[in-house]
Amino acid sequence: MPEKDIARIDVTMSHLVELTREQNTTLKKVLEMLTETRTKQESHSERIGKLESDKTWLVRLILAALITAIVAAVKAL
């Protein structure tokens, strides 16, 4: 095989190695971003779940107060 072809193949392989490194770096950054995003989503999901739970209890307390007031009003009549 002529040296010119070997040199061309060597340059091509070097470029492929460089591209692969760049691709790996990019994939690592994407993976880190996705992991960070997932962590944030899980955190927000927990907070939303807690807020919904608090809201449910607030509604229950308000309904209990209304029912108590209605029962007291009916007894007063």
PDB file of N, CA and C in Angstrom:
ATOM      1  N   MET A   1       0.857  -1.169   0.000  1.00  0.00           N
ATOM      2  CA  MET A   1       0.000   0.000   0.000  1.00  0.00           C
ATOM      3  C   MET A   1       0.908   1.238   0.000  1.00  0.00           C
ATOM      4  N   PRO A   2       0.621   2.195  -0.863  1.00  0.00           N
ATOM      5  CA  PRO A   2       1.459   3.398  -0.943  1.00  0.00           C
ATOM      6  C   PRO A   2       1.399   4.212   0.359  1.00  0.00           C
ATOM      7  N   GLU A   3       2.485   4.913   0.624  1.00  0.00           N
ATOM      8  CA  GLU A   3       2.552   5.733   1.842  1.00  0.00           C
ATOM      9  C   GLU A   3       1.487   6.824   1.844  1.00  0.00           C
ATOM     10  N   LYS A   4       1.135   7.308   0.669  1.00  0.00           N
ATOM     11  CA  LYS A   4       0.108   8.354   0.568  1.00  0.00           C
ATOM     12  C   LYS A   4      -1.222   7.824   1.094  1.00  0.00           C
ATOM     13  N   ASP A   5      -1.583   6.606   0.722  1.00  0.00           N
ATOM     14  CA  ASP A   5      -2.831   5.997   1.200  1.00  0.00           C
ATOM     15  C   ASP A   5      -2.777   5.754   2.704  1.00  0.00           C
ATOM     16  N   ILE A   6      -1.624   5.298   3.174  1.00  0.00           N
ATOM     17  CA  ILE A   6      -1.472   5.056   4.613  1.00  0.00           C
ATOM     18  C   ILE A   6      -1.606   6.365   5.385  1.00  0.00           C
ATOM     19  N   ALA A   7      -1.001   7.430   4.868  1.00  0.00           N
ATOM     20  CA  ALA A   7      -1.089   8.743   5.521  1.00  0.00           C
ATOM     21  C   ALA A   7      -2.536   9.229   5.533  1.00  0.00           C
ATOM     22  N   ARG A   8      -3.242   9.032   4.415  1.00  0.00           N
ATOM     23  CA  ARG A   8      -4.643   9.453   4.334  1.00  0.00           C
ATOM     24  C   ARG A   8      -5.500   8.669   5.335  1.00  0.00           C
ATOM     25  N   ILE A   9      -5.259   7.372   5.421  1.00  0.00           N
ATOM     26  CA  ILE A   9      -6.005   6.537   6.370  1.00  0.00           C
ATOM     27  C   ILE A   9      -5.691   6.969   7.803  1.00  0.00           C
ATOM     28  N   ASP A  10      -4.425   7.273   8.064  1.00  0.00           N
ATOM     29  CA  ASP A  10      -4.023   7.716   9.398  1.00  0.00           C
ATOM     30  C   ASP A  10      -4.722   9.018   9.776  1.00  0.00           C
ATOM     31  N   VAL A  11      -4.767   9.960   8.837  1.00  0.00           N
ATOM     32  CA  VAL A  11      -5.449  11.240   9.088  1.00  0.00           C
ATOM     33  C   VAL A  11      -6.940  11.005   9.320  1.00  0.00           C
ATOM     34  N   THR A  12      -7.529  10.149   8.504  1.00  0.00           N
ATOM     35  CA  THR A  12      -8.955   9.840   8.655  1.00  0.00           C
ATOM     36  C   THR A  12      -9.230   9.218  10.021  1.00  0.00           C
ATOM     37  N   MET A  13      -8.385   8.291  10.438  1.00  0.00           N
ATOM     38  CA  MET A  13      -8.558   7.656  11.746  1.00  0.00           C
ATOM     39  C   MET A  13      -8.407   8.681  12.871  1.00  0.00           C
ATOM     40  N   SER A  14      -7.453   9.592  12.715  1.00  0.00           N
ATOM     41  CA  SER A  14      -7.264  10.644  13.722  1.00  0.00           C
ATOM     42  C   SER A  14      -8.510  11.508  13.832  1.00  0.00           C
ATOM     43  N   HIS A  15      -9.091  11.852  12.679  1.00  0.00           N
ATOM     44  CA  HIS A  15     -10.320  12.647  12.680  1.00  0.00           C
ATOM     45  C   HIS A  15     -11.463  11.881  13.339  1.00  0.00           C
ATOM     46  N   LEU A  16     -11.547  10.591  13.045  1.00  0.00           N
ATOM     47  CA  LEU A  16     -12.599   9.774  13.657  1.00  0.00           C
ATOM     48  C   LEU A  16     -12.438   9.708  15.173  1.00  0.00           C
ATOM     49  N   VAL A  17     -11.205   9.574  15.627  1.00  0.00           N
ATOM     50  CA  VAL A  17     -10.945   9.546  17.073  1.00  0.00           C
ATOM     51  C   VAL A  17     -11.350  10.875  17.696  1.00  0.00           C
ATOM     52  N   GLU A  18     -10.999  11.972  17.048  1.00  0.00           N
ATOM     53  CA  GLU A  18     -11.348  13.300  17.551  1.00  0.00           C
ATOM     54  C   GLU A  18     -12.868  13.480  17.597  1.00  0.00           C
ATOM     55  N   LEU A  19     -13.545  13.071  16.529  1.00  0.00           N
ATOM     56  CA  LEU A  19     -15.004  13.174  16.500  1.00  0.00           C
ATOM     57  C   LEU A  19     -15.649  12.314  17.584  1.00  0.00           C
ATOM     58  N   THR A  20     -15.095  11.133  17.798  1.00  0.00           N
ATOM     59  CA  THR A  20     -15.628  10.249  18.831  1.00  0.00           C
ATOM     60  C   THR A  20     -15.462  10.880  20.209  1.00  0.00           C
ATOM     61  N   ARG A  21     -14.323  11.498  20.455  1.00  0.00           N
ATOM     62  CA  ARG A  21     -14.104  12.183  21.741  1.00  0.00           C
ATOM     63  C   ARG A  21     -15.098  13.326  21.922  1.00  0.00           C
ATOM     64  N   GLU A  22     -15.286  14.111  20.871  1.00  0.00           N
ATOM     65  CA  GLU A  22     -16.256  15.210  20.943  1.00  0.00           C
ATOM     66  C   GLU A  22     -17.655  14.671  21.215  1.00  0.00           C
ATOM     67  N   GLN A  23     -17.995  13.590  20.534  1.00  0.00           N
ATOM     68  CA  GLN A  23     -19.311  12.982  20.712  1.00  0.00           C
ATOM     69  C   GLN A  23     -19.477  12.481  22.146  1.00  0.00           C
ATOM     70  N   ASN A  24     -18.447  11.842  22.679  1.00  0.00           N
ATOM     71  CA  ASN A  24     -18.505  11.354  24.056  1.00  0.00           C
ATOM     72  C   ASN A  24     -18.659  12.503  25.048  1.00  0.00           C
ATOM     73  N   THR A  25     -17.939  13.593  24.798  1.00  0.00           N
ATOM     74  CA  THR A  25     -18.051  14.767  25.661  1.00  0.00           C
ATOM     75  C   THR A  25     -19.470  15.324  25.615  1.00  0.00           C
ATOM     76  N   THR A  26     -20.010  15.433  24.415  1.00  0.00           N
ATOM     77  CA  THR A  26     -21.370  15.949  24.257  1.00  0.00           C
ATOM     78  C   THR A  26     -22.385  15.028  24.919  1.00  0.00           C
ATOM     79  N   LEU A  27     -22.239  13.732  24.720  1.00  0.00           N
ATOM     80  CA  LEU A  27     -23.160  12.775  25.337  1.00  0.00           C
ATOM     81  C   LEU A  27     -23.082  12.833  26.857  1.00  0.00           C
ATOM     82  N   LYS A  28     -21.886  13.021  27.384  1.00  0.00           N
ATOM     83  CA  LYS A  28     -21.722  13.138  28.839  1.00  0.00           C
ATOM     84  C   LYS A  28     -22.460  14.370  29.355  1.00  0.00           C
ATOM     85  N   LYS A  29     -22.315  15.496  28.643  1.00  0.00           N
ATOM     86  CA  LYS A  29     -23.011  16.721  29.044  1.00  0.00           C
ATOM     87  C   LYS A  29     -24.522  16.530  28.994  1.00  0.00           C
ATOM     88  N   VAL A  30     -25.009  15.871  27.940  1.00  0.00           N
ATOM     89  CA  VAL A  30     -26.447  15.618  27.804  1.00  0.00           C
ATOM     90  C   VAL A  30     -26.932  14.736  28.950  1.00  0.00           C
ATOM     91  N   LEU A  31     -26.174  13.699  29.266  1.00  0.00           N
ATOM     92  CA  LEU A  31     -26.542  12.806  30.358  1.00  0.00           C
ATOM     93  C   LEU A  31     -26.580  13.549  31.688  1.00  0.00           C
ATOM     94  N   GLU A  32     -25.596  14.407  31.931  1.00  0.00           N
ATOM     95  CA  GLU A  32     -25.578  15.196  33.162  1.00  0.00           C
ATOM     96  C   GLU A  32     -26.782  16.128  33.225  1.00  0.00           C
ATOM     97  N   MET A  33     -27.116  16.752  32.083  1.00  0.00           N
ATOM     98  CA  MET A  33     -28.275  17.639  32.043  1.00  0.00           C
ATOM     99  C   MET A  33     -29.561  16.875  32.312  1.00  0.00           C
ATOM    100  N   LEU A  34     -29.695  15.705  31.687  1.00  0.00           N
ATOM    101  CA  LEU A  34     -30.897  14.896  31.890  1.00  0.00           C
ATOM    102  C   LEU A  34     -31.017  14.442  33.337  1.00  0.00           C
ATOM    103  N   THR A  35     -29.902  14.069  33.934  1.00  0.00           N
ATOM    104  CA  THR A  35     -29.908  13.651  35.335  1.00  0.00           C
ATOM    105  C   THR A  35     -30.321  14.814  36.229  1.00  0.00           C
ATOM    106  N   GLU A  36     -29.771  15.992  35.957  1.00  0.00           N
ATOM    107  CA  GLU A  36     -30.116  17.182  36.737  1.00  0.00           C
ATOM    108  C   GLU A  36     -31.595  17.519  36.563  1.00  0.00           C
ATOM    109  N   THR A  37     -32.074  17.442  35.336  1.00  0.00           N
ATOM    110  CA  THR A  37     -33.481  17.731  35.061  1.00  0.00           C
ATOM    111  C   THR A  37     -34.381  16.741  35.781  1.00  0.00           C
ATOM    112  N   ARG A  38     -34.011  15.470  35.746  1.00  0.00           N
ATOM    113  CA  ARG A  38     -34.820  14.444  36.412  1.00  0.00           C
ATOM    114  C   ARG A  38     -34.857  14.682  37.917  1.00  0.00           C
ATOM    115  N   THR A  39     -33.719  15.041  38.489  1.00  0.00           N
ATOM    116  CA  THR A  39     -33.657  15.321  39.922  1.00  0.00           C
ATOM    117  C   THR A  39     -34.567  16.494  40.273  1.00  0.00           C
ATOM    118  N   LYS A  40     -34.526  17.544  39.453  1.00  0.00           N
ATOM    119  CA  LYS A  40     -35.387  18.706  39.696  1.00  0.00           C
ATOM    120  C   LYS A  40     -36.856  18.327  39.564  1.00  0.00           C
ATOM    121  N   GLN A  41     -37.182  17.521  38.542  1.00  0.00           N
ATOM    122  CA  GLN A  41     -38.570  17.110  38.346  1.00  0.00           C
ATOM    123  C   GLN A  41     -39.073  16.289  39.523  1.00  0.00           C
ATOM    124  N   GLU A  42     -38.237  15.389  40.033  1.00  0.00           N
ATOM    125  CA  GLU A  42     -38.633  14.584  41.187  1.00  0.00           C
ATOM    126  C   GLU A  42     -38.855  15.477  42.399  1.00  0.00           C
ATOM    127  N   SER A  43     -37.982  16.454  42.579  1.00  0.00           N
ATOM    128  CA  SER A  43     -38.117  17.393  43.692  1.00  0.00           C
ATOM    129  C   SER A  43     -39.414  18.186  43.568  1.00  0.00           C
ATOM    130  N   HIS A  44     -39.683  18.693  42.368  1.00  0.00           N
ATOM    131  CA  HIS A  44     -40.915  19.456  42.146  1.00  0.00           C
ATOM    132  C   HIS A  44     -42.139  18.566  42.331  1.00  0.00           C
ATOM    133  N   SER A  45     -42.044  17.344  41.891  1.00  0.00           N
ATOM    134  CA  SER A  45     -43.156  16.407  42.028  1.00  0.00           C
ATOM    135  C   SER A  45     -43.477  16.170  43.500  1.00  0.00           C
ATOM    136  N   GLU A  46     -42.441  16.004  44.315  1.00  0.00           N
ATOM    137  CA  GLU A  46     -42.653  15.819  45.750  1.00  0.00           C
ATOM    138  C   GLU A  46     -43.298  17.059  46.360  1.00  0.00           C
ATOM    139  N   ARG A  47     -42.814  18.233  45.963  1.00  0.00           N
ATOM    140  CA  ARG A  47     -43.375  19.478  46.501  1.00  0.00           C
ATOM    141  C   ARG A  47     -44.835  19.634  46.086  1.00  0.00           C
ATOM    142  N   ILE A  48     -45.139  19.319  44.832  1.00  0.00           N
ATOM    143  CA  ILE A  48     -46.520  19.422  44.351  1.00  0.00           C
ATOM    144  C   ILE A  48     -47.406  18.438  45.097  1.00  0.00           C
ATOM    145  N   GLY A  49     -46.899  17.220  45.298  1.00  0.00           N
ATOM    146  CA  GLY A  49     -47.661  16.223  46.048  1.00  0.00           C
ATOM    147  C   GLY A  49     -47.962  16.698  47.453  1.00  0.00           C
ATOM    148  N   LYS A  50     -46.981  17.319  48.106  1.00  0.00           N
ATOM    149  CA  LYS A  50     -47.189  17.839  49.460  1.00  0.00           C
ATOM    150  C   LYS A  50     -48.198  18.977  49.445  1.00  0.00           C
ATOM    151  N   LEU A  51     -48.081  19.866  48.460  1.00  0.00           N
ATOM    152  CA  LEU A  51     -49.033  20.976  48.369  1.00  0.00           C
ATOM    153  C   LEU A  51     -50.446  20.463  48.133  1.00  0.00           C
ATOM    154  N   GLU A  52     -50.593  19.457  47.265  1.00  0.00           N
ATOM    155  CA  GLU A  52     -51.916  18.890  47.016  1.00  0.00           C
ATOM    156  C   GLU A  52     -52.462  18.239  48.276  1.00  0.00           C
ATOM    157  N   SER A  53     -51.606  17.590  49.029  1.00  0.00           N
ATOM    158  CA  SER A  53     -52.021  16.967  50.279  1.00  0.00           C
ATOM    159  C   SER A  53     -52.466  18.039  51.273  1.00  0.00           C
ATOM    160  N   ASP A  54     -51.691  19.119  51.373  1.00  0.00           N
ATOM    161  CA  ASP A  54     -52.061  20.222  52.268  1.00  0.00           C
ATOM    162  C   ASP A  54     -53.382  20.845  51.840  1.00  0.00           C
ATOM    163  N   LYS A  55     -53.577  20.991  50.531  1.00  0.00           N
ATOM    164  CA  LYS A  55     -54.815  21.569  50.014  1.00  0.00           C
ATOM    165  C   LYS A  55     -56.004  20.665  50.355  1.00  0.00           C
ATOM    166  N   THR A  56     -55.810  19.366  50.246  1.00  0.00           N
ATOM    167  CA  THR A  56     -56.875  18.414  50.572  1.00  0.00           C
ATOM    168  C   THR A  56     -57.275  18.560  52.034  1.00  0.00           C
ATOM    169  N   TRP A  57     -56.288  18.648  52.909  1.00  0.00           N
ATOM    170  CA  TRP A  57     -56.601  18.795  54.332  1.00  0.00           C
ATOM    171  C   TRP A  57     -57.277  20.130  54.606  1.00  0.00           C
ATOM    172  N   LEU A  58     -56.880  21.179  53.920  1.00  0.00           N
ATOM    173  CA  LEU A  58     -57.519  22.484  54.095  1.00  0.00           C
ATOM    174  C   LEU A  58     -58.984  22.410  53.697  1.00  0.00           C
ATOM    175  N   VAL A  59     -59.270  21.760  52.579  1.00  0.00           N
ATOM    176  CA  VAL A  59     -60.661  21.602  52.132  1.00  0.00           C
ATOM    177  C   VAL A  59     -61.449  20.807  53.163  1.00  0.00           C
ATOM    178  N   ARG A  60     -60.861  19.754  53.696  1.00  0.00           N
ATOM    179  CA  ARG A  60     -61.542  18.951  54.719  1.00  0.00           C
ATOM    180  C   ARG A  60     -61.841  19.773  55.962  1.00  0.00           C
ATOM    181  N   LEU A  61     -60.883  20.589  56.384  1.00  0.00           N
ATOM    182  CA  LEU A  61     -61.106  21.432  57.566  1.00  0.00           C
ATOM    183  C   LEU A  61     -62.216  22.450  57.325  1.00  0.00           C
ATOM    184  N   ILE A  62     -62.218  23.050  56.142  1.00  0.00           N
ATOM    185  CA  ILE A  62     -63.265  24.030  55.815  1.00  0.00           C
ATOM    186  C   ILE A  62     -64.627  23.350  55.791  1.00  0.00           C
ATOM    187  N   LEU A  63     -64.710  22.179  55.153  1.00  0.00           N
ATOM    188  CA  LEU A  63     -65.983  21.449  55.118  1.00  0.00           C
ATOM    189  C   LEU A  63     -66.427  21.057  56.524  1.00  0.00           C
ATOM    190  N   ALA A  64     -65.507  20.623  57.356  1.00  0.00           N
ATOM    191  CA  ALA A  64     -65.855  20.258  58.734  1.00  0.00           C
ATOM    192  C   ALA A  64     -66.376  21.471  59.487  1.00  0.00           C
ATOM    193  N   ALA A  65     -65.745  22.633  59.291  1.00  0.00           N
ATOM    194  CA  ALA A  65     -66.198  23.858  59.956  1.00  0.00           C
ATOM    195  C   ALA A  65     -67.587  24.249  59.466  1.00  0.00           C
ATOM    196  N   LEU A  66     -67.827  24.133  58.160  1.00  0.00           N
ATOM    197  CA  LEU A  66     -69.152  24.462  57.617  1.00  0.00           C
ATOM    198  C   LEU A  66     -70.220  23.517  58.156  1.00  0.00           C
ATOM    199  N   ILE A  67     -69.920  22.235  58.181  1.00  0.00           N
ATOM    200  CA  ILE A  67     -70.893  21.260  58.691  1.00  0.00           C
ATOM    201  C   ILE A  67     -71.171  21.519  60.164  1.00  0.00           C
ATOM    202  N   THR A  68     -70.137  21.821  60.933  1.00  0.00           N
ATOM    203  CA  THR A  68     -70.315  22.128  62.356  1.00  0.00           C
ATOM    204  C   THR A  68     -71.182  23.373  62.525  1.00  0.00           C
ATOM    205  N   ALA A  69     -70.941  24.399  61.712  1.00  0.00           N
ATOM    206  CA  ALA A  69     -71.729  25.631  61.795  1.00  0.00           C
ATOM    207  C   ALA A  69     -73.181  25.364  61.419  1.00  0.00           C
ATOM    208  N   ILE A  70     -73.406  24.542  60.395  1.00  0.00           N
ATOM    209  CA  ILE A  70     -74.780  24.221  59.978  1.00  0.00           C
ATOM    210  C   ILE A  70     -75.490  23.439  61.070  1.00  0.00           C
ATOM    211  N   VAL A  71     -74.824  22.457  61.653  1.00  0.00           N
ATOM    212  CA  VAL A  71     -75.430  21.658  62.725  1.00  0.00           C
ATOM    213  C   VAL A  71     -75.749  22.550  63.916  1.00  0.00           C
ATOM    214  N   ALA A  72     -74.841  23.465  64.257  1.00  0.00           N
ATOM    215  CA  ALA A  72     -75.080  24.376  65.380  1.00  0.00           C
ATOM    216  C   ALA A  72     -76.254  25.296  65.073  1.00  0.00           C
ATOM    217  N   ALA A  73     -76.358  25.764  63.829  1.00  0.00           N
ATOM    218  CA  ALA A  73     -77.466  26.650  63.450  1.00  0.00           C
ATOM    219  C   ALA A  73     -78.786  25.900  63.503  1.00  0.00           C
ATOM    220  N   VAL A  74     -78.796  24.645  63.064  1.00  0.00           N
ATOM    221  CA  VAL A  74     -80.026  23.850  63.081  1.00  0.00           C
ATOM    222  C   VAL A  74     -80.453  23.582  64.523  1.00  0.00           C
ATOM    223  N   LYS A  75     -79.519  23.300  65.399  1.00  0.00           N
ATOM    224  CA  LYS A  75     -79.841  23.048  66.811  1.00  0.00           C
ATOM    225  C   LYS A  75     -80.358  24.312  67.485  1.00  0.00           C
ATOM    226  N   ALA A  76     -79.873  25.474  67.047  1.00  0.00           N
ATOM    227  CA  ALA A  76     -80.295  26.736  67.645  1.00  0.00           C
ATOM    228  C   ALA A  76     -81.734  27.065  67.279  1.00  0.00           C
ATOM    229  N   LEU A  77     -82.210  26.511  66.182  1.00  0.00           N
ATOM    230  CA  LEU A  77     -83.586  26.789  65.778  1.00  0.00           C
ATOM    231  C   LEU A  77     -84.489  26.024  66.640  1.00  0.00           C
TER     232      LEU A  77
END
